[in-house]
């Protein structure tokens, strides 16, 4: 058996400039783990700034974990351990090495069967963004069928899936995006698409049950105005501070690995209720440039690394 593989690793903490495509030891799965032959991996803005990417903690002060392999979103085939031969996808715990490698050892409990109707590229792009959308809208936002939702940044990786998840719940979706993305957002299921540069979303949305904030700042603060009493402003950017105690509430969360959520997302994909936008696919050797490209706005969906 081969004992080495190709991988992208950072030997010191930093941005895309510290990432090197190199030969690395092939991981050996431990108890409760499987070895996955990675077909595709997806990457996320800000990932190289996370403490967990480089240490053993989600918070500052953790012990360095170097060299580190980035990219926590994967789709591939189990090559060692229970379920060998199964096609799987999932979100790797943030304090572990990621999927920018030919092989990765992953806790079996965080993986789910890959949706049959999705390619490996699409399945990798679904894991983190899809779970963020699902957990934000359903678990933290309490969205139920027939609700009303405002999604900010609706053309991005998380936003594009949030629009579809909400629409699959028969919610009325208002979505903000750039002018060149409005048709795209409507095709995803938004009842109303708002050009955030030309129109105030407060003039369009009102009596909203859930706001999903992927933007933060002034957009987050203005969003309190459109929520009904009992509504929820859910942010993945920063903790929302409600302007009054007896009105809508705020929720901030960090997405977690979640087999149950993956299974639900796979069901939506396999029944045609969910498509996964992929902005571009790059080879594993182009990982550093792919992370640099995350700084550019105007993407439609995720950037994916084609591993094998």
Protein backbone atom coordinates (compact mmCIF):
# COMPACT_ATOMS: atom_id res chain seq x y z
CA UNK A 1 0.00 0.00 0.00
CA UNK A 2 1.17 3.50 -0.80
CA UNK A 3 2.30 5.44 2.26
CA UNK A 4 2.42 8.89 0.63
CA UNK A 5 0.02 11.11 -1.30
CA UNK A 6 -0.23 14.53 -2.86
CA UNK A 7 -1.64 17.19 -0.55
CA UNK A 8 -1.77 20.94 -0.02
CA UNK A 9 -0.33 21.97 3.34
CA UNK A 10 0.63 25.09 5.24
CA UNK A 11 3.73 24.76 7.41
CA UNK A 12 3.05 28.08 9.10
CA UNK A 13 -0.06 30.12 9.71
CA UNK A 14 -1.00 32.57 6.99
CA UNK A 15 -2.97 33.15 3.81
CA UNK A 16 -2.83 31.50 0.40
CA UNK A 17 0.87 32.32 0.13
CA UNK A 18 1.80 29.71 2.78
CA UNK A 19 0.06 26.81 1.01
CA UNK A 20 2.29 24.31 -0.81
CA UNK A 21 1.32 21.43 -3.11
CA UNK A 22 3.61 18.62 -1.99
CA UNK A 23 4.09 14.96 -1.11
CA UNK A 24 2.80 14.13 2.37
CA UNK A 25 2.24 11.03 4.51
CA UNK A 26 -0.98 9.19 3.74
CA UNK A 27 -3.17 9.31 6.88
CA UNK A 28 -4.05 6.18 8.83
CA UNK A 29 -7.64 6.08 10.15
CA UNK A 30 -8.13 5.60 13.90
CA UNK A 31 -11.01 4.24 15.92
CA UNK A 32 -14.36 5.35 14.53
CA UNK A 33 -12.73 6.76 11.39
CA UNK A 34 -12.65 5.85 7.73
CA UNK A 35 -10.14 6.72 5.05
CA UNK A 36 -11.74 8.60 2.18
CA UNK A 37 -10.24 8.87 -1.26
CA UNK A 38 -11.09 12.49 -1.98
CA UNK A 39 -12.61 13.23 -5.36
CA UNK A 40 -13.56 16.88 -4.72
CA UNK A 41 -13.13 19.42 -1.92
CA UNK A 42 -14.73 22.84 -1.52
CA UNK A 43 -13.26 25.94 0.13
CA UNK A 44 -14.78 28.80 2.12
CA UNK A 45 -14.00 32.53 2.47
CA UNK A 46 -12.14 33.28 5.69
CA UNK A 47 -11.12 29.68 6.27
CA UNK A 48 -7.40 30.44 6.41
CA UNK A 49 -8.05 33.00 9.17
CA UNK A 50 -9.86 30.51 11.44
CA UNK A 51 -7.96 29.44 14.55
CA UNK A 52 -9.23 25.90 14.02
CA UNK A 53 -7.53 25.68 10.62
CA UNK A 54 -4.14 25.86 12.28
CA UNK A 55 -4.67 24.70 15.88
CA UNK A 56 -6.57 22.16 17.95
CA UNK A 57 -9.12 24.73 19.16
CA UNK A 58 -11.99 26.75 17.72
CA UNK A 59 -10.88 29.67 19.90
CA UNK A 60 -7.58 31.56 20.18
CA UNK A 61 -4.92 29.93 22.31
CA UNK A 62 -5.03 26.39 20.93
CA UNK A 63 -1.93 24.31 20.32
CA UNK A 64 -0.50 24.62 16.81
CA UNK A 65 -1.41 21.77 14.44
CA UNK A 66 1.16 22.04 11.68
CA UNK A 67 1.58 21.34 8.85
CA UNK A 68 -2.14 21.78 8.28
CA UNK A 69 -4.29 20.65 5.34
CA UNK A 70 -7.17 23.07 4.54
CA UNK A 71 -10.61 22.55 2.92
CA UNK A 72 -13.17 21.02 5.28
CA UNK A 73 -15.80 20.10 2.66
CA UNK A 74 -15.40 16.83 0.81
CA UNK A 75 -16.93 14.24 -1.43
CA UNK A 76 -15.24 10.97 -2.22
CA UNK A 77 -15.16 7.20 -1.80
CA UNK A 78 -14.43 5.25 1.37
CA UNK A 79 -11.27 3.21 0.70
CA UNK A 80 -10.62 1.84 4.19
CA UNK A 81 -12.94 1.08 7.10
CA UNK A 82 -16.68 0.39 7.37
CA UNK A 83 -18.53 1.10 4.14
CA UNK A 84 -15.50 0.65 1.89
CA UNK A 85 -16.57 1.50 -1.65
CA UNK A 86 -19.39 3.84 -0.58
CA UNK A 87 -19.65 7.29 -2.13
CA UNK A 88 -19.91 9.84 0.68
CA UNK A 89 -19.87 13.56 1.40
CA UNK A 90 -19.58 15.64 4.52
CA UNK A 91 -18.10 18.40 6.60
CA UNK A 92 -14.85 17.59 8.39
CA UNK A 93 -14.58 18.86 12.01
CA UNK A 94 -12.74 22.17 11.86
CA UNK A 95 -9.87 21.19 14.18
CA UNK A 96 -8.84 18.30 11.91
CA UNK A 97 -6.90 18.25 8.66
CA UNK A 98 -9.09 18.92 5.68
CA UNK A 99 -9.67 17.48 2.23
CA UNK A 100 -7.12 19.32 0.06
CA UNK A 101 -5.36 15.97 -0.31
CA UNK A 102 -5.76 12.70 -2.14
CA UNK A 103 -6.81 10.97 1.08
CA UNK A 104 -8.20 12.10 4.42
CA UNK A 105 -9.13 10.27 7.63
CA UNK A 106 -12.61 11.33 8.78
CA UNK A 107 -14.92 10.31 11.64
CA UNK A 108 -17.47 8.01 10.02
CA UNK A 109 -20.26 9.68 12.02
CA UNK A 110 -19.96 12.98 10.11
CA UNK A 111 -20.38 11.46 6.65
CA UNK A 112 -23.55 10.69 4.70
CA UNK A 113 -24.20 8.92 1.39
CA UNK A 114 -23.51 11.19 -1.57
CA UNK A 115 -26.69 12.29 -3.34
CA UNK A 116 -27.04 10.10 -6.42
CA UNK A 117 -28.08 13.04 -8.57
CA UNK A 118 -25.05 15.21 -7.78
CA UNK A 119 -21.51 15.06 -9.09
CA UNK A 120 -18.64 14.84 -6.62
CA UNK A 121 -17.93 18.53 -7.26
CA UNK A 122 -21.51 19.47 -6.42
CA UNK A 123 -21.66 17.23 -3.36
CA UNK A 124 -18.50 18.78 -1.93
CA UNK A 125 -19.91 22.25 -2.56
CA UNK A 126 -23.12 21.30 -0.74
CA UNK A 127 -21.69 20.16 2.60
CA UNK A 128 -20.67 23.30 4.53
CA UNK A 129 -22.83 25.81 2.68
CA UNK A 130 -25.86 23.54 2.69
CA UNK A 131 -25.53 22.69 6.36
CA UNK A 132 -25.11 26.40 7.17
CA UNK A 133 -28.30 27.20 5.29
CA UNK A 134 -30.22 24.31 6.86
CA UNK A 135 -29.04 24.90 10.42
CA UNK A 136 -29.51 28.66 10.13
CA UNK A 137 -33.03 28.58 8.74
CA UNK A 138 -34.48 25.51 10.43
CA UNK A 139 -32.61 24.85 13.66
CA UNK A 140 -31.75 28.40 14.70
CA UNK A 141 -34.44 30.30 12.80
CA UNK A 142 -37.27 27.85 13.44
CA UNK A 143 -38.53 28.25 9.88
CA UNK A 144 -41.58 26.16 9.07
CA UNK A 145 -43.64 25.65 5.93
CA UNK A 146 -45.27 28.80 4.62
CA UNK A 147 -43.04 31.27 6.44
CA UNK A 148 -41.47 34.45 5.06
CA UNK A 149 -37.69 34.74 4.74
CA UNK A 150 -35.15 37.41 3.82
CA UNK A 151 -31.79 36.05 2.62
CA UNK A 152 -28.85 38.45 2.32
CA UNK A 153 -26.04 37.61 -0.10
CA UNK A 154 -28.34 35.24 -1.93
CA UNK A 155 -26.00 34.49 -4.86
CA UNK A 156 -23.13 33.25 -2.69
CA UNK A 157 -22.33 29.76 -1.53
CA UNK A 158 -24.55 29.83 1.56
CA UNK A 159 -27.15 32.25 0.24
CA UNK A 160 -27.85 30.35 -2.97
CA UNK A 161 -28.60 27.20 -0.98
CA UNK A 162 -30.58 29.07 1.68
CA UNK A 163 -32.95 30.41 -0.99
CA UNK A 164 -33.57 26.87 -2.21
CA UNK A 165 -33.96 25.34 1.26
CA UNK A 166 -36.48 28.03 2.18
CA UNK A 167 -38.35 27.58 -1.10
CA UNK A 168 -38.44 23.82 -0.51
CA UNK A 169 -40.23 24.59 2.75
CA UNK A 170 -42.78 26.58 0.75
CA UNK A 171 -41.54 29.82 2.29
CA UNK A 172 -41.86 33.15 0.53
CA UNK A 173 -38.29 34.27 -0.13
CA UNK A 174 -37.02 37.81 -0.57
CA UNK A 175 -33.34 37.82 -1.55
CA UNK A 176 -30.68 40.52 -1.88
CA UNK A 177 -27.95 40.29 -4.51
CA UNK A 178 -26.06 42.34 -7.07
CA UNK A 179 -27.83 43.56 -10.21
CA UNK A 180 -26.14 40.93 -12.40
CA UNK A 181 -27.27 38.13 -10.05
CA UNK A 182 -30.99 38.91 -9.80
CA UNK A 183 -32.19 36.49 -12.50
CA UNK A 184 -30.00 33.76 -11.00
CA UNK A 185 -31.53 34.29 -7.56
CA UNK A 186 -35.05 34.21 -8.97
CA UNK A 187 -34.27 30.92 -10.72
CA UNK A 188 -33.27 29.49 -7.34
CA UNK A 189 -36.74 30.21 -5.98
CA UNK A 190 -36.78 33.79 -4.70
CA UNK A 191 -40.20 35.41 -5.03
CA UNK A 192 -38.52 38.82 -5.04
CA UNK A 193 -34.88 39.66 -5.80
CA UNK A 194 -33.56 43.02 -4.58
CA UNK A 195 -30.55 44.82 -6.08
CA UNK A 196 -28.87 45.86 -2.83
CA UNK A 197 -27.09 48.78 -4.52
CA UNK A 198 -30.19 50.32 -6.09
CA UNK A 199 -33.05 49.44 -3.75
CA UNK A 200 -33.60 49.32 0.00
CA UNK A 201 -34.69 45.87 1.09
CA UNK A 202 -36.70 47.52 3.89
CA UNK A 203 -39.00 48.91 1.22
CA UNK A 204 -39.67 45.42 -0.16
CA UNK A 205 -39.56 42.98 2.75
CA UNK A 206 -41.76 43.21 5.81
CA UNK A 207 -43.28 41.01 8.48
CA UNK A 208 -40.46 38.52 7.97
CA UNK A 209 -40.19 35.37 10.10
CA UNK A 210 -36.46 34.77 9.55
CA UNK A 211 -33.59 36.88 8.23
CA UNK A 212 -30.47 34.96 7.25
CA UNK A 213 -27.55 37.40 7.38
CA UNK A 214 -24.39 36.46 5.48
CA UNK A 215 -23.21 40.07 5.14
CA UNK A 216 -23.14 41.71 8.59
CA UNK A 217 -22.48 45.37 9.36
CA UNK A 218 -25.10 47.92 8.40
CA UNK A 219 -27.14 45.30 6.54
CA UNK A 220 -27.52 43.33 9.73
CA UNK A 221 -28.57 46.38 11.74
CA UNK A 222 -31.14 47.48 9.16
CA UNK A 223 -32.65 43.98 9.08
CA UNK A 224 -34.31 44.41 12.48
CA UNK A 225 -36.82 46.73 10.79
CA UNK A 226 -38.34 43.99 8.62
CA UNK A 227 -38.83 41.28 11.26
CA UNK A 228 -42.19 40.55 12.82
CA UNK A 229 -42.51 40.24 16.58
CA UNK A 230 -41.32 36.76 17.37
CA UNK A 231 -39.08 36.69 14.30
CA UNK A 232 -35.39 35.76 14.30
CA UNK A 233 -32.33 37.44 12.80
CA UNK A 234 -29.81 34.62 12.24
CA UNK A 235 -26.26 35.65 11.39
CA UNK A 236 -23.16 33.71 10.41
CA UNK A 237 -21.09 36.91 10.51
CA UNK A 238 -21.43 38.40 14.00
CA UNK A 239 -23.79 38.15 16.99
CA UNK A 240 -26.89 40.30 16.32
CA UNK A 241 -27.87 42.68 19.12
CA UNK A 242 -31.66 43.17 19.29
CA UNK A 243 -32.66 46.83 19.66
CA UNK A 244 -35.25 45.89 22.29
CA UNK A 245 -35.82 42.94 24.57
CA UNK A 246 -39.49 42.36 23.75
CA UNK A 247 -39.10 42.21 19.97
CA UNK A 248 -37.42 39.88 17.48
CA UNK A 249 -34.47 37.88 18.77
CA UNK A 250 -31.01 37.38 17.35
CA UNK A 251 -28.99 34.20 16.85
CA UNK A 252 -25.37 33.68 15.85
CA UNK A 253 -23.92 30.25 15.13
CA UNK A 254 -21.00 28.38 13.62
CA UNK A 255 -22.01 25.46 11.42
CA UNK A 256 -21.29 21.99 12.79
CA UNK A 257 -20.83 18.58 11.15
CA UNK A 258 -24.27 17.03 10.99
CA UNK A 259 -25.15 13.71 9.33
CA UNK A 260 -28.88 14.26 9.85
CA UNK A 261 -28.73 17.61 8.09
CA UNK A 262 -26.66 16.15 5.24
CA UNK A 263 -29.22 13.40 4.81
CA UNK A 264 -32.03 15.95 4.54
CA UNK A 265 -30.06 18.01 2.02
CA UNK A 266 -29.35 14.87 -0.01
CA UNK A 267 -33.09 14.09 -0.03
CA UNK A 268 -33.86 17.57 -1.38
CA UNK A 269 -31.18 17.17 -4.05
CA UNK A 270 -32.39 13.73 -5.11
CA UNK A 271 -36.00 14.92 -5.39
CA UNK A 272 -35.03 17.86 -7.57
CA UNK A 273 -35.67 20.55 -4.95
CA UNK A 274 -32.02 21.53 -4.62
CA UNK A 275 -29.30 22.28 -7.15
CA UNK A 276 -25.77 23.20 -6.14
CA UNK A 277 -24.15 26.16 -7.93
CA UNK A 278 -20.42 25.69 -8.54
CA UNK A 279 -18.62 28.86 -9.58
CA UNK A 280 -15.40 27.24 -10.73
CA UNK A 281 -13.43 24.01 -10.46
CA UNK A 282 -9.64 24.05 -10.12
CA UNK A 283 -7.05 21.26 -9.80
CA UNK A 284 -5.60 20.42 -6.40
CA UNK A 285 -2.30 21.97 -7.47
CA UNK A 286 -4.12 25.30 -7.92
CA UNK A 287 -5.41 25.45 -4.33
CA UNK A 288 -3.44 28.55 -3.29
CA UNK A 289 -4.78 30.54 -6.26
CA UNK A 290 -8.30 29.27 -5.52
CA UNK A 291 -8.14 30.63 -1.96
CA UNK A 292 -6.89 33.98 -3.31
CA UNK A 293 -9.87 34.06 -5.70
CA UNK A 294 -12.28 33.88 -2.74
CA UNK A 295 -11.60 37.57 -2.12
CA UNK A 296 -13.31 38.51 -5.39
CA UNK A 297 -17.04 39.25 -5.26
CA UNK A 298 -19.63 38.22 -7.80
CA UNK A 299 -19.29 34.45 -7.48
CA UNK A 300 -22.25 32.17 -8.13
CA UNK A 301 -21.77 29.37 -5.63
CA UNK A 302 -18.62 27.65 -4.40
CA UNK A 303 -15.08 27.19 -5.63
CA UNK A 304 -14.21 23.47 -5.76
CA UNK A 305 -10.89 21.64 -5.86
CA UNK A 306 -10.88 18.67 -8.25
CA UNK A 307 -8.65 16.17 -6.45
CA UNK A 308 -8.98 13.00 -8.51
